[in-house]
Amino acid sequence: MGGFLLNRGFSGKMIRPTLISFGTILLLMTISYSKPGNLAQYTGIFWGLGFVLLGLFNLRINRFVLVFIGTSISLYSLYDLLDFTGNIAYTDAGIMAAWITGANSSQVVPKSVIVLGYLIALLWSFFSLSIIFVSVKKVFQSEEIVVPEQEFQQNDFFQSSENENKETPFPGEVTPEVMEWFFSKGLDLNGKPLPAEFLEKEEL
């Protein structure tokens, strides 16, 4: 979730729908899983409504809000990974390992649960960090692609302008009669006056 919010915040795309969706999910989870009347419920409802209201308006601060939320969630996720360095048997990874091995929680935790718990924790950590890294990396890669495209378009614009400024040759095949008529009028094939030196040579 943190990586996705960072991606939306840095890219500046789908900011309002993301805020509204995130606020709605937060409201639903708060109402479903928090105890009625306690501080957690009031806090969740307050923040959920705040995100939904921000998403209804196209404000500049919305992008920074997404970056702030995404950063906070990502940092909390990284901090939460420290739980795996403690008593692994009582973490989510340890509980999953015990369920996979079928170990009895009332007995001494076997080594198989501890080893499997650490493996699950490592995979979990790697997966979480990879999502954050890939989500943020895509934004900066897309920005690097956009900049060369803009430069290429600018170069094409200047080249086309230069080509338009260049003199275009006389259209069609130039016959001696046409050339003689232009020279008799003192003009070149582009309709511009001929240099005086050229006219003097022609008279000689």
N, C-alpha and C. Protein backbone atom coordinates (compact mmCIF):
# COMPACT_ATOMS: atom_id res chain seq x y z
N MET A 1 0.83 -1.21 0.00
CA MET A 1 0.00 0.00 0.00
C MET A 1 0.87 1.26 0.00
N GLY A 2 1.93 1.25 0.82
CA GLY A 2 2.81 2.42 0.87
C GLY A 2 3.48 2.69 -0.46
N GLY A 3 3.95 1.63 -1.12
CA GLY A 3 4.59 1.79 -2.43
C GLY A 3 3.63 2.32 -3.47
N PHE A 4 2.39 1.85 -3.45
CA PHE A 4 1.39 2.31 -4.41
C PHE A 4 1.08 3.80 -4.20
N LEU A 5 0.91 4.20 -2.95
CA LEU A 5 0.63 5.61 -2.66
C LEU A 5 1.80 6.51 -3.06
N LEU A 6 3.02 6.03 -2.83
CA LEU A 6 4.19 6.79 -3.26
C LEU A 6 4.22 6.93 -4.78
N ASN A 7 3.89 5.85 -5.47
CA ASN A 7 3.86 5.88 -6.93
C ASN A 7 2.86 6.90 -7.45
N ARG A 8 1.67 6.90 -6.88
CA ARG A 8 0.64 7.85 -7.31
C ARG A 8 1.03 9.29 -6.96
N GLY A 9 1.64 9.46 -5.78
CA GLY A 9 2.02 10.81 -5.36
C GLY A 9 3.13 11.39 -6.20
N PHE A 10 4.17 10.60 -6.49
CA PHE A 10 5.29 11.10 -7.29
C PHE A 10 4.90 11.30 -8.75
N SER A 11 4.09 10.40 -9.29
CA SER A 11 3.70 10.50 -10.70
C SER A 11 2.65 11.57 -10.94
N GLY A 12 1.85 11.88 -9.91
CA GLY A 12 0.79 12.88 -10.08
C GLY A 12 -0.41 12.39 -10.86
N LYS A 13 -0.56 11.07 -10.98
CA LYS A 13 -1.68 10.49 -11.74
C LYS A 13 -2.70 9.89 -10.78
N MET A 14 -3.98 10.04 -11.13
CA MET A 14 -5.08 9.43 -10.36
C MET A 14 -5.00 9.80 -8.88
N ILE A 15 -4.67 11.04 -8.58
CA ILE A 15 -4.50 11.45 -7.19
C ILE A 15 -5.83 11.47 -6.46
N ARG A 16 -6.82 12.12 -7.05
CA ARG A 16 -8.11 12.24 -6.37
C ARG A 16 -8.80 10.88 -6.18
N PRO A 17 -8.89 10.03 -7.22
CA PRO A 17 -9.49 8.71 -6.99
C PRO A 17 -8.74 7.88 -5.96
N THR A 18 -7.40 8.03 -5.93
CA THR A 18 -6.61 7.28 -4.95
C THR A 18 -6.93 7.74 -3.53
N LEU A 19 -7.03 9.04 -3.33
CA LEU A 19 -7.37 9.56 -2.00
C LEU A 19 -8.76 9.11 -1.56
N ILE A 20 -9.72 9.19 -2.47
CA ILE A 20 -11.09 8.78 -2.13
C ILE A 20 -11.15 7.29 -1.82
N SER A 21 -10.46 6.48 -2.63
CA SER A 21 -10.46 5.03 -2.40
C SER A 21 -9.78 4.69 -1.08
N PHE A 22 -8.63 5.33 -0.83
CA PHE A 22 -7.91 5.05 0.41
C PHE A 22 -8.74 5.46 1.63
N GLY A 23 -9.38 6.64 1.56
CA GLY A 23 -10.22 7.08 2.67
C GLY A 23 -11.41 6.17 2.89
N THR A 24 -12.02 5.68 1.80
CA THR A 24 -13.16 4.77 1.93
C THR A 24 -12.75 3.45 2.55
N ILE A 25 -11.60 2.90 2.10
CA ILE A 25 -11.10 1.65 2.68
C ILE A 25 -10.81 1.82 4.17
N LEU A 26 -10.21 2.95 4.51
CA LEU A 26 -9.90 3.22 5.92
C LEU A 26 -11.17 3.31 6.75
N LEU A 27 -12.21 3.95 6.22
CA LEU A 27 -13.48 4.04 6.94
C LEU A 27 -14.11 2.66 7.13
N LEU A 28 -14.12 1.85 6.08
CA LEU A 28 -14.72 0.52 6.17
C LEU A 28 -13.98 -0.36 7.17
N MET A 29 -12.64 -0.32 7.13
CA MET A 29 -11.85 -1.14 8.06
C MET A 29 -12.03 -0.65 9.50
N THR A 30 -12.13 0.66 9.67
CA THR A 30 -12.33 1.20 11.02
C THR A 30 -13.67 0.76 11.60
N ILE A 31 -14.72 0.88 10.80
CA ILE A 31 -16.05 0.50 11.27
C ILE A 31 -16.15 -1.00 11.51
N SER A 32 -15.45 -1.79 10.69
CA SER A 32 -15.57 -3.24 10.77
C SER A 32 -14.76 -3.84 11.91
N TYR A 33 -13.56 -3.30 12.16
CA TYR A 33 -12.64 -3.99 13.07
C TYR A 33 -12.34 -3.23 14.37
N SER A 34 -12.75 -1.99 14.51
CA SER A 34 -12.48 -1.27 15.76
C SER A 34 -13.68 -1.35 16.69
N LYS A 35 -13.39 -1.23 17.98
CA LYS A 35 -14.46 -1.29 18.97
C LYS A 35 -15.24 0.03 18.97
N PRO A 36 -16.56 -0.04 19.04
CA PRO A 36 -17.36 1.19 19.01
C PRO A 36 -17.07 2.10 20.20
N GLY A 37 -16.86 3.37 19.92
CA GLY A 37 -16.69 4.36 20.96
C GLY A 37 -15.29 4.57 21.46
N ASN A 38 -14.31 3.77 21.01
CA ASN A 38 -12.95 3.97 21.51
C ASN A 38 -12.19 4.96 20.62
N LEU A 39 -10.98 5.30 21.05
CA LEU A 39 -10.19 6.31 20.36
C LEU A 39 -9.80 5.87 18.94
N ALA A 40 -9.52 4.57 18.77
CA ALA A 40 -9.11 4.07 17.45
C ALA A 40 -10.21 4.29 16.42
N GLN A 41 -11.45 4.08 16.83
CA GLN A 41 -12.56 4.27 15.89
C GLN A 41 -12.71 5.73 15.50
N TYR A 42 -12.66 6.63 16.48
CA TYR A 42 -12.78 8.05 16.18
C TYR A 42 -11.63 8.54 15.29
N THR A 43 -10.43 8.03 15.59
CA THR A 43 -9.27 8.44 14.79
C THR A 43 -9.40 7.95 13.35
N GLY A 44 -9.79 6.69 13.19
CA GLY A 44 -9.94 6.14 11.84
C GLY A 44 -11.02 6.84 11.04
N ILE A 45 -12.14 7.15 11.68
CA ILE A 45 -13.21 7.86 10.98
C ILE A 45 -12.77 9.27 10.61
N PHE A 46 -12.04 9.93 11.51
CA PHE A 46 -11.57 11.29 11.23
C PHE A 46 -10.64 11.32 10.02
N TRP A 47 -9.64 10.44 10.01
CA TRP A 47 -8.70 10.41 8.89
C TRP A 47 -9.36 9.93 7.61
N GLY A 48 -10.23 8.94 7.71
CA GLY A 48 -10.91 8.44 6.52
C GLY A 48 -11.75 9.52 5.85
N LEU A 49 -12.54 10.24 6.65
CA LEU A 49 -13.35 11.33 6.10
C LEU A 49 -12.46 12.45 5.55
N GLY A 50 -11.34 12.69 6.22
CA GLY A 50 -10.41 13.73 5.74
C GLY A 50 -9.86 13.40 4.37
N PHE A 51 -9.45 12.14 4.15
CA PHE A 51 -8.92 11.75 2.85
C PHE A 51 -9.99 11.80 1.77
N VAL A 52 -11.20 11.39 2.11
CA VAL A 52 -12.30 11.44 1.13
C VAL A 52 -12.60 12.88 0.74
N LEU A 53 -12.65 13.77 1.71
CA LEU A 53 -12.93 15.18 1.42
C LEU A 53 -11.82 15.82 0.59
N LEU A 54 -10.57 15.48 0.89
CA LEU A 54 -9.46 15.99 0.08
C LEU A 54 -9.56 15.51 -1.36
N GLY A 55 -9.99 14.25 -1.53
CA GLY A 55 -10.12 13.71 -2.88
C GLY A 55 -11.23 14.35 -3.69
N LEU A 56 -12.19 14.96 -3.03
CA LEU A 56 -13.29 15.62 -3.74
C LEU A 56 -12.87 16.94 -4.37
N PHE A 57 -11.76 17.51 -3.89
CA PHE A 57 -11.29 18.80 -4.39
C PHE A 57 -9.92 18.63 -5.03
N ASN A 58 -9.72 19.35 -6.12
CA ASN A 58 -8.45 19.29 -6.84
C ASN A 58 -7.48 20.31 -6.24
N LEU A 59 -6.80 19.90 -5.17
CA LEU A 59 -5.89 20.79 -4.46
C LEU A 59 -4.45 20.39 -4.72
N ARG A 60 -3.55 21.36 -4.66
CA ARG A 60 -2.12 21.06 -4.85
C ARG A 60 -1.57 20.19 -3.74
N ILE A 61 -2.15 20.36 -2.55
CA ILE A 61 -1.63 19.63 -1.40
C ILE A 61 -1.92 18.14 -1.49
N ASN A 62 -2.87 17.74 -2.33
CA ASN A 62 -3.25 16.32 -2.42
C ASN A 62 -2.07 15.43 -2.79
N ARG A 63 -1.24 15.91 -3.70
CA ARG A 63 -0.08 15.12 -4.12
C ARG A 63 0.89 14.91 -2.96
N PHE A 64 1.12 15.96 -2.19
CA PHE A 64 2.04 15.84 -1.05
C PHE A 64 1.44 14.98 0.05
N VAL A 65 0.11 15.00 0.17
CA VAL A 65 -0.55 14.14 1.16
C VAL A 65 -0.31 12.67 0.81
N LEU A 66 -0.43 12.32 -0.47
CA LEU A 66 -0.19 10.93 -0.88
C LEU A 66 1.25 10.52 -0.61
N VAL A 67 2.19 11.41 -0.93
CA VAL A 67 3.60 11.10 -0.67
C VAL A 67 3.85 10.92 0.82
N PHE A 68 3.25 11.78 1.63
CA PHE A 68 3.43 11.69 3.09
C PHE A 68 2.84 10.39 3.63
N ILE A 69 1.62 10.05 3.20
CA ILE A 69 0.99 8.81 3.68
C ILE A 69 1.78 7.60 3.23
N GLY A 70 2.18 7.60 1.94
CA GLY A 70 2.95 6.47 1.43
C GLY A 70 4.27 6.29 2.15
N THR A 71 4.95 7.41 2.44
CA THR A 71 6.21 7.34 3.18
C THR A 71 5.99 6.82 4.59
N SER A 72 4.94 7.30 5.25
CA SER A 72 4.65 6.87 6.63
C SER A 72 4.35 5.38 6.69
N ILE A 73 3.52 4.91 5.76
CA ILE A 73 3.18 3.48 5.74
C ILE A 73 4.40 2.63 5.43
N SER A 74 5.23 3.09 4.49
CA SER A 74 6.44 2.34 4.14
C SER A 74 7.40 2.26 5.31
N LEU A 75 7.61 3.39 6.00
CA LEU A 75 8.51 3.39 7.15
C LEU A 75 7.96 2.51 8.27
N TYR A 76 6.64 2.55 8.47
CA TYR A 76 6.04 1.70 9.51
C TYR A 76 6.20 0.23 9.14
N SER A 77 6.07 -0.07 7.85
CA SER A 77 6.25 -1.46 7.41
C SER A 77 7.68 -1.92 7.67
N LEU A 78 8.64 -1.04 7.40
CA LEU A 78 10.04 -1.40 7.66
C LEU A 78 10.28 -1.57 9.16
N TYR A 79 9.68 -0.69 9.96
CA TYR A 79 9.82 -0.82 11.41
C TYR A 79 9.17 -2.11 11.90
N ASP A 80 8.05 -2.47 11.29
CA ASP A 80 7.33 -3.68 11.70
C ASP A 80 8.15 -4.93 11.41
N LEU A 81 9.07 -4.83 10.44
CA LEU A 81 9.91 -5.99 10.13
C LEU A 81 10.86 -6.33 11.28
N LEU A 82 11.10 -5.37 12.18
CA LEU A 82 11.98 -5.63 13.32
C LEU A 82 11.37 -6.65 14.28
N ASP A 83 10.05 -6.83 14.21
CA ASP A 83 9.42 -7.84 15.06
C ASP A 83 9.95 -9.23 14.78
N PHE A 84 10.39 -9.44 13.55
CA PHE A 84 10.89 -10.76 13.18
C PHE A 84 12.21 -11.09 13.87
N THR A 85 12.93 -10.05 14.33
CA THR A 85 14.20 -10.31 15.01
C THR A 85 13.99 -10.69 16.47
N GLY A 86 12.77 -10.52 16.97
CA GLY A 86 12.48 -10.89 18.36
C GLY A 86 12.06 -12.34 18.46
N ASN A 87 10.97 -12.57 19.16
CA ASN A 87 10.45 -13.92 19.33
C ASN A 87 9.66 -14.28 18.08
N ILE A 88 10.30 -14.96 17.16
CA ILE A 88 9.70 -15.24 15.86
C ILE A 88 8.45 -16.09 15.97
N ALA A 89 8.36 -16.89 17.02
CA ALA A 89 7.23 -17.82 17.15
C ALA A 89 5.90 -17.09 17.35
N TYR A 90 5.95 -15.86 17.87
CA TYR A 90 4.71 -15.13 18.17
C TYR A 90 4.39 -14.05 17.12
N THR A 91 5.16 -14.02 16.07
CA THR A 91 4.86 -13.11 14.96
C THR A 91 3.94 -13.80 13.96
N ASP A 92 3.49 -13.03 12.98
CA ASP A 92 2.63 -13.62 11.94
C ASP A 92 3.36 -14.72 11.18
N ALA A 93 4.67 -14.51 10.95
CA ALA A 93 5.45 -15.53 10.25
C ALA A 93 5.57 -16.79 11.09
N GLY A 94 5.77 -16.63 12.41
CA GLY A 94 5.86 -17.80 13.28
C GLY A 94 4.54 -18.54 13.39
N ILE A 95 3.44 -17.80 13.47
CA ILE A 95 2.12 -18.44 13.53
C ILE A 95 1.84 -19.21 12.25
N MET A 96 2.22 -18.63 11.11
CA MET A 96 2.03 -19.33 9.84
C MET A 96 2.90 -20.58 9.77
N ALA A 97 4.14 -20.46 10.26
CA ALA A 97 5.04 -21.62 10.26
C ALA A 97 4.50 -22.73 11.15
N ALA A 98 3.94 -22.37 12.31
CA ALA A 98 3.36 -23.38 13.20
C ALA A 98 2.15 -24.04 12.55
N TRP A 99 1.37 -23.26 11.83
CA TRP A 99 0.20 -23.83 11.15
C TRP A 99 0.61 -24.78 10.03
N ILE A 100 1.69 -24.41 9.31
CA ILE A 100 2.17 -25.26 8.22
C ILE A 100 2.73 -26.57 8.75
N THR A 101 3.53 -26.48 9.81
CA THR A 101 4.16 -27.69 10.37
C THR A 101 3.21 -28.49 11.26
N GLY A 102 2.11 -27.87 11.70
CA GLY A 102 1.17 -28.56 12.58
C GLY A 102 1.67 -28.68 14.01
N ALA A 103 2.55 -27.77 14.42
CA ALA A 103 3.10 -27.81 15.78
C ALA A 103 2.05 -27.34 16.78
N ASN A 104 2.13 -27.88 17.99
CA ASN A 104 1.20 -27.53 19.07
C ASN A 104 1.74 -26.30 19.80
N SER A 105 0.93 -25.25 19.89
CA SER A 105 1.38 -24.00 20.51
C SER A 105 1.60 -24.14 22.01
N SER A 106 0.98 -25.13 22.65
CA SER A 106 1.13 -25.31 24.09
C SER A 106 2.46 -25.95 24.45
N GLN A 107 3.10 -26.58 23.51
CA GLN A 107 4.38 -27.24 23.76
C GLN A 107 5.54 -26.31 23.44
N VAL A 108 6.75 -26.80 23.66
CA VAL A 108 7.94 -26.03 23.33
C VAL A 108 8.02 -25.87 21.81
N VAL A 109 8.36 -24.67 21.39
CA VAL A 109 8.41 -24.39 19.94
C VAL A 109 9.55 -25.17 19.31
N PRO A 110 9.27 -26.03 18.35
CA PRO A 110 10.33 -26.81 17.71
C PRO A 110 11.19 -25.94 16.79
N LYS A 111 12.38 -26.46 16.49
CA LYS A 111 13.30 -25.72 15.62
C LYS A 111 12.75 -25.55 14.21
N SER A 112 11.96 -26.52 13.76
CA SER A 112 11.39 -26.43 12.42
C SER A 112 10.50 -25.21 12.27
N VAL A 113 9.74 -24.88 13.33
CA VAL A 113 8.88 -23.70 13.29
C VAL A 113 9.73 -22.43 13.25
N ILE A 114 10.81 -22.40 14.05
CA ILE A 114 11.67 -21.22 14.09
C ILE A 114 12.34 -20.99 12.74
N VAL A 115 12.91 -22.08 12.16
CA VAL A 115 13.59 -21.96 10.87
C VAL A 115 12.61 -21.54 9.78
N LEU A 116 11.46 -22.21 9.73
CA LEU A 116 10.46 -21.86 8.72
C LEU A 116 9.92 -20.45 8.94
N GLY A 117 9.79 -20.06 10.21
CA GLY A 117 9.32 -18.71 10.51
C GLY A 117 10.27 -17.65 9.99
N TYR A 118 11.58 -17.88 10.17
CA TYR A 118 12.56 -16.92 9.66
C TYR A 118 12.56 -16.88 8.13
N LEU A 119 12.38 -18.03 7.49
CA LEU A 119 12.31 -18.05 6.03
C LEU A 119 11.10 -17.25 5.52
N ILE A 120 9.96 -17.47 6.19
CA ILE A 120 8.76 -16.72 5.81
C ILE A 120 8.96 -15.23 6.05
N ALA A 121 9.60 -14.89 7.17
CA ALA A 121 9.85 -13.47 7.49
C ALA A 121 10.76 -12.82 6.45
N LEU A 122 11.80 -13.55 6.03
CA LEU A 122 12.72 -13.01 5.03
C LEU A 122 12.01 -12.81 3.69
N LEU A 123 11.22 -13.80 3.29
CA LEU A 123 10.48 -13.66 2.04
C LEU A 123 9.48 -12.51 2.12
N TRP A 124 8.84 -12.41 3.25
CA TRP A 124 7.86 -11.34 3.47
C TRP A 124 8.54 -9.97 3.38
N SER A 125 9.69 -9.86 4.03
CA SER A 125 10.42 -8.59 4.01
C SER A 125 10.89 -8.25 2.60
N PHE A 126 11.43 -9.25 1.91
CA PHE A 126 11.91 -9.03 0.54
C PHE A 126 10.77 -8.61 -0.37
N PHE A 127 9.63 -9.25 -0.22
CA PHE A 127 8.46 -8.92 -1.03
C PHE A 127 7.99 -7.49 -0.76
N SER A 128 7.95 -7.11 0.50
CA SER A 128 7.49 -5.76 0.86
C SER A 128 8.44 -4.69 0.32
N LEU A 129 9.74 -4.90 0.51
CA LEU A 129 10.72 -3.92 0.03
C LEU A 129 10.73 -3.84 -1.49
N SER A 130 10.52 -4.99 -2.16
CA SER A 130 10.52 -5.00 -3.62
C SER A 130 9.36 -4.19 -4.17
N ILE A 131 8.19 -4.31 -3.53
CA ILE A 131 7.03 -3.54 -3.99
C ILE A 131 7.30 -2.04 -3.88
N ILE A 132 7.86 -1.63 -2.74
CA ILE A 132 8.17 -0.20 -2.56
C ILE A 132 9.19 0.27 -3.59
N PHE A 133 10.24 -0.52 -3.80
CA PHE A 133 11.31 -0.15 -4.72
C PHE A 133 10.80 -0.05 -6.16
N VAL A 134 10.05 -1.06 -6.60
CA VAL A 134 9.54 -1.07 -7.97
C VAL A 134 8.55 0.06 -8.19
N SER A 135 7.70 0.31 -7.21
CA SER A 135 6.68 1.36 -7.36
C SER A 135 7.32 2.73 -7.53
N VAL A 136 8.34 3.00 -6.74
CA VAL A 136 9.01 4.31 -6.83
C VAL A 136 9.90 4.38 -8.08
N LYS A 137 10.54 3.27 -8.43
CA LYS A 137 11.44 3.26 -9.58
C LYS A 137 10.69 3.53 -10.88
N LYS A 138 9.48 3.00 -11.00
CA LYS A 138 8.70 3.20 -12.23
C LYS A 138 8.43 4.68 -12.49
N VAL A 139 8.22 5.42 -11.42
CA VAL A 139 7.93 6.85 -11.58
C VAL A 139 9.13 7.57 -12.17
N PHE A 140 10.33 7.33 -11.62
CA PHE A 140 11.51 8.02 -12.09
C PHE A 140 11.92 7.55 -13.48
N GLN A 141 11.67 6.28 -13.81
CA GLN A 141 11.95 5.81 -15.16
C GLN A 141 11.04 6.48 -16.18
N SER A 142 9.76 6.63 -15.85
CA SER A 142 8.83 7.29 -16.77
C SER A 142 9.20 8.75 -16.96
N GLU A 143 9.70 9.41 -15.91
CA GLU A 143 10.12 10.81 -16.05
C GLU A 143 11.35 10.92 -16.95
N GLU A 144 12.27 9.94 -16.87
CA GLU A 144 13.45 9.97 -17.73
C GLU A 144 13.06 9.76 -19.19
N ILE A 145 12.00 9.01 -19.45
CA ILE A 145 11.56 8.78 -20.82
C ILE A 145 10.86 10.01 -21.37
N VAL A 146 10.12 10.71 -20.54
CA VAL A 146 9.37 11.88 -21.00
C VAL A 146 10.31 13.01 -21.39
N VAL A 147 11.39 13.20 -20.64
CA VAL A 147 12.32 14.31 -20.92
C VAL A 147 12.98 14.17 -22.29
N PRO A 148 13.56 12.98 -22.67
CA PRO A 148 14.12 12.86 -24.01
C PRO A 148 13.08 13.06 -25.11
N GLU A 149 11.84 12.62 -24.90
CA GLU A 149 10.80 12.81 -25.90
C GLU A 149 10.53 14.29 -26.12
N GLN A 150 10.50 15.07 -25.03
CA GLN A 150 10.28 16.50 -25.16
C GLN A 150 11.44 17.16 -25.91
N GLU A 151 12.68 16.73 -25.60
CA GLU A 151 13.84 17.29 -26.29
C GLU A 151 13.79 16.93 -27.77
N PHE A 152 13.36 15.69 -28.08
CA PHE A 152 13.28 15.26 -29.46
C PHE A 152 12.24 16.08 -30.22
N GLN A 153 11.11 16.36 -29.59
CA GLN A 153 10.08 17.18 -30.22
C GLN A 153 10.57 18.60 -30.45
N GLN A 154 11.33 19.15 -29.49
CA GLN A 154 11.86 20.49 -29.66
C GLN A 154 12.86 20.54 -30.81
N ASN A 155 13.72 19.50 -30.90
CA ASN A 155 14.69 19.46 -32.00
C ASN A 155 13.98 19.37 -33.34
N ASP A 156 12.92 18.56 -33.41
CA ASP A 156 12.16 18.46 -34.65
C ASP A 156 11.53 19.80 -35.02
N PHE A 157 11.05 20.52 -34.00
CA PHE A 157 10.43 21.82 -34.26
C PHE A 157 11.45 22.80 -34.84
N PHE A 158 12.65 22.84 -34.24
CA PHE A 158 13.67 23.76 -34.73
C PHE A 158 14.15 23.36 -36.12
N GLN A 159 14.29 22.03 -36.36
CA GLN A 159 14.72 21.58 -37.67
C GLN A 159 13.70 21.92 -38.74
N SER A 160 12.42 21.72 -38.41
CA SER A 160 11.37 22.05 -39.37
C SER A 160 11.33 23.54 -39.65
N SER A 161 11.58 24.35 -38.59
CA SER A 161 11.60 25.80 -38.78
C SER A 161 12.75 26.21 -39.69
N GLU A 162 13.92 25.56 -39.50
CA GLU A 162 15.07 25.87 -40.34
C GLU A 162 14.80 25.46 -41.78
N ASN A 163 14.16 24.30 -41.96
CA ASN A 163 13.87 23.85 -43.31
C ASN A 163 12.87 24.78 -44.01
N GLU A 164 11.93 25.31 -43.23
CA GLU A 164 10.96 26.23 -43.82
C GLU A 164 11.62 27.54 -44.23
N ASN A 165 12.66 27.93 -43.44
CA ASN A 165 13.33 29.19 -43.75
C ASN A 165 14.26 29.07 -44.96
N LYS A 166 14.66 27.84 -45.29
CA LYS A 166 15.55 27.65 -46.43
C LYS A 166 14.80 27.97 -47.73
N GLU A 167 15.55 28.42 -48.73
CA GLU A 167 14.94 28.73 -50.01
C GLU A 167 14.58 27.45 -50.75
N THR A 168 13.38 27.38 -51.24
CA THR A 168 12.95 26.21 -52.00
C THR A 168 13.27 26.44 -53.46
N PRO A 169 13.78 25.45 -54.15
CA PRO A 169 14.14 25.63 -55.55
C PRO A 169 12.89 25.83 -56.41
N PHE A 170 13.14 26.33 -57.64
CA PHE A 170 12.03 26.55 -58.57
C PHE A 170 11.35 25.22 -58.88
N PRO A 171 10.01 25.14 -58.73
CA PRO A 171 9.33 23.86 -58.93
C PRO A 171 9.35 23.44 -60.40
N GLY A 172 9.45 22.17 -60.62
CA GLY A 172 9.42 21.64 -61.97
C GLY A 172 10.76 21.76 -62.68
N GLU A 173 10.78 21.35 -63.93
CA GLU A 173 12.01 21.38 -64.72
C GLU A 173 12.20 22.77 -65.33
N VAL A 174 13.40 23.29 -65.17
CA VAL A 174 13.71 24.64 -65.68
C VAL A 174 14.20 24.52 -67.13
N THR A 175 13.43 25.06 -68.04
CA THR A 175 13.80 25.04 -69.46
C THR A 175 14.65 26.27 -69.77
N PRO A 176 15.41 26.23 -70.84
CA PRO A 176 16.22 27.41 -71.21
C PRO A 176 15.38 28.66 -71.42
N GLU A 177 14.16 28.49 -71.96
CA GLU A 177 13.31 29.65 -72.18
C GLU A 177 12.92 30.31 -70.86
N VAL A 178 12.56 29.46 -69.87
CA VAL A 178 12.18 30.00 -68.56
C VAL A 178 13.37 30.70 -67.91
N MET A 179 14.55 30.06 -68.01
CA MET A 179 15.75 30.65 -67.41
C MET A 179 16.08 31.99 -68.07
N GLU A 180 15.93 32.06 -69.40
CA GLU A 180 16.23 33.30 -70.12
C GLU A 180 15.24 34.40 -69.74
N TRP A 181 13.98 34.02 -69.53
CA TRP A 181 12.98 35.03 -69.15
C TRP A 181 13.30 35.63 -67.79
N PHE A 182 13.69 34.76 -66.81
CA PHE A 182 14.05 35.26 -65.48
C PHE A 182 15.25 36.18 -65.55
N PHE A 183 16.29 35.75 -66.32
CA PHE A 183 17.50 36.56 -66.41
C PHE A 183 17.22 37.89 -67.09
N SER A 184 16.32 37.88 -68.07
CA SER A 184 16.00 39.13 -68.77
C SER A 184 15.31 40.13 -67.85
N LYS A 185 14.61 39.61 -66.85
CA LYS A 185 13.96 40.48 -65.87
C LYS A 185 14.88 40.84 -64.70
N GLY A 186 16.11 40.33 -64.76
CA GLY A 186 17.04 40.62 -63.66
C GLY A 186 16.74 39.86 -62.39
N LEU A 187 16.12 38.66 -62.51
CA LEU A 187 15.73 37.85 -61.36
C LEU A 187 16.38 36.49 -61.44
N ASP A 188 16.61 35.89 -60.26
CA ASP A 188 17.06 34.50 -60.25
C ASP A 188 15.85 33.59 -60.28
N LEU A 189 16.08 32.27 -60.21
CA LEU A 189 14.99 31.31 -60.32
C LEU A 189 14.05 31.34 -59.13
N ASN A 190 14.45 31.97 -58.05
CA ASN A 190 13.58 32.12 -56.88
C ASN A 190 12.81 33.43 -56.89
N GLY A 191 12.98 34.22 -57.96
CA GLY A 191 12.26 35.49 -58.05
C GLY A 191 12.94 36.63 -57.36
N LYS A 192 14.19 36.44 -56.92
CA LYS A 192 14.92 37.51 -56.24
C LYS A 192 15.83 38.23 -57.23
N PRO A 193 16.08 39.52 -57.01
CA PRO A 193 16.96 40.28 -57.93
C PRO A 193 18.36 39.69 -57.96
N LEU A 194 18.92 39.67 -59.17
CA LEU A 194 20.28 39.15 -59.33
C LEU A 194 21.29 40.20 -58.87
N PRO A 195 22.47 39.75 -58.40
CA PRO A 195 23.51 40.71 -58.02
C PRO A 195 23.91 41.58 -59.20
N ALA A 196 24.33 42.80 -58.89
CA ALA A 196 24.72 43.74 -59.95
C ALA A 196 25.91 43.23 -60.74
N GLU A 197 26.86 42.55 -60.07
CA GLU A 197 28.04 42.03 -60.75
C GLU A 197 27.64 41.01 -61.80
N PHE A 198 26.65 40.17 -61.48
CA PHE A 198 26.22 39.15 -62.42
C PHE A 198 25.58 39.79 -63.66
N LEU A 199 24.79 40.85 -63.44
CA LEU A 199 24.15 41.54 -64.56
C LEU A 199 25.18 42.21 -65.46
N GLU A 200 26.24 42.80 -64.85
CA GLU A 200 27.28 43.44 -65.64
C GLU A 200 28.02 42.42 -66.50
N LYS A 201 28.28 41.22 -65.96
CA LYS A 201 28.95 40.17 -66.73
C LYS A 201 28.08 39.72 -67.88
N GLU A 202 26.76 39.62 -67.64
CA GLU A 202 25.86 39.19 -68.69
C GLU A 202 25.82 40.20 -69.83
N GLU A 203 25.89 41.52 -69.48
CA GLU A 203 25.88 42.55 -70.51
C GLU A 203 27.14 42.51 -71.35
N LEU A 204 28.30 42.18 -70.69
CA LEU A 204 29.55 42.09 -71.43
C LEU A 204 29.54 40.88 -72.35
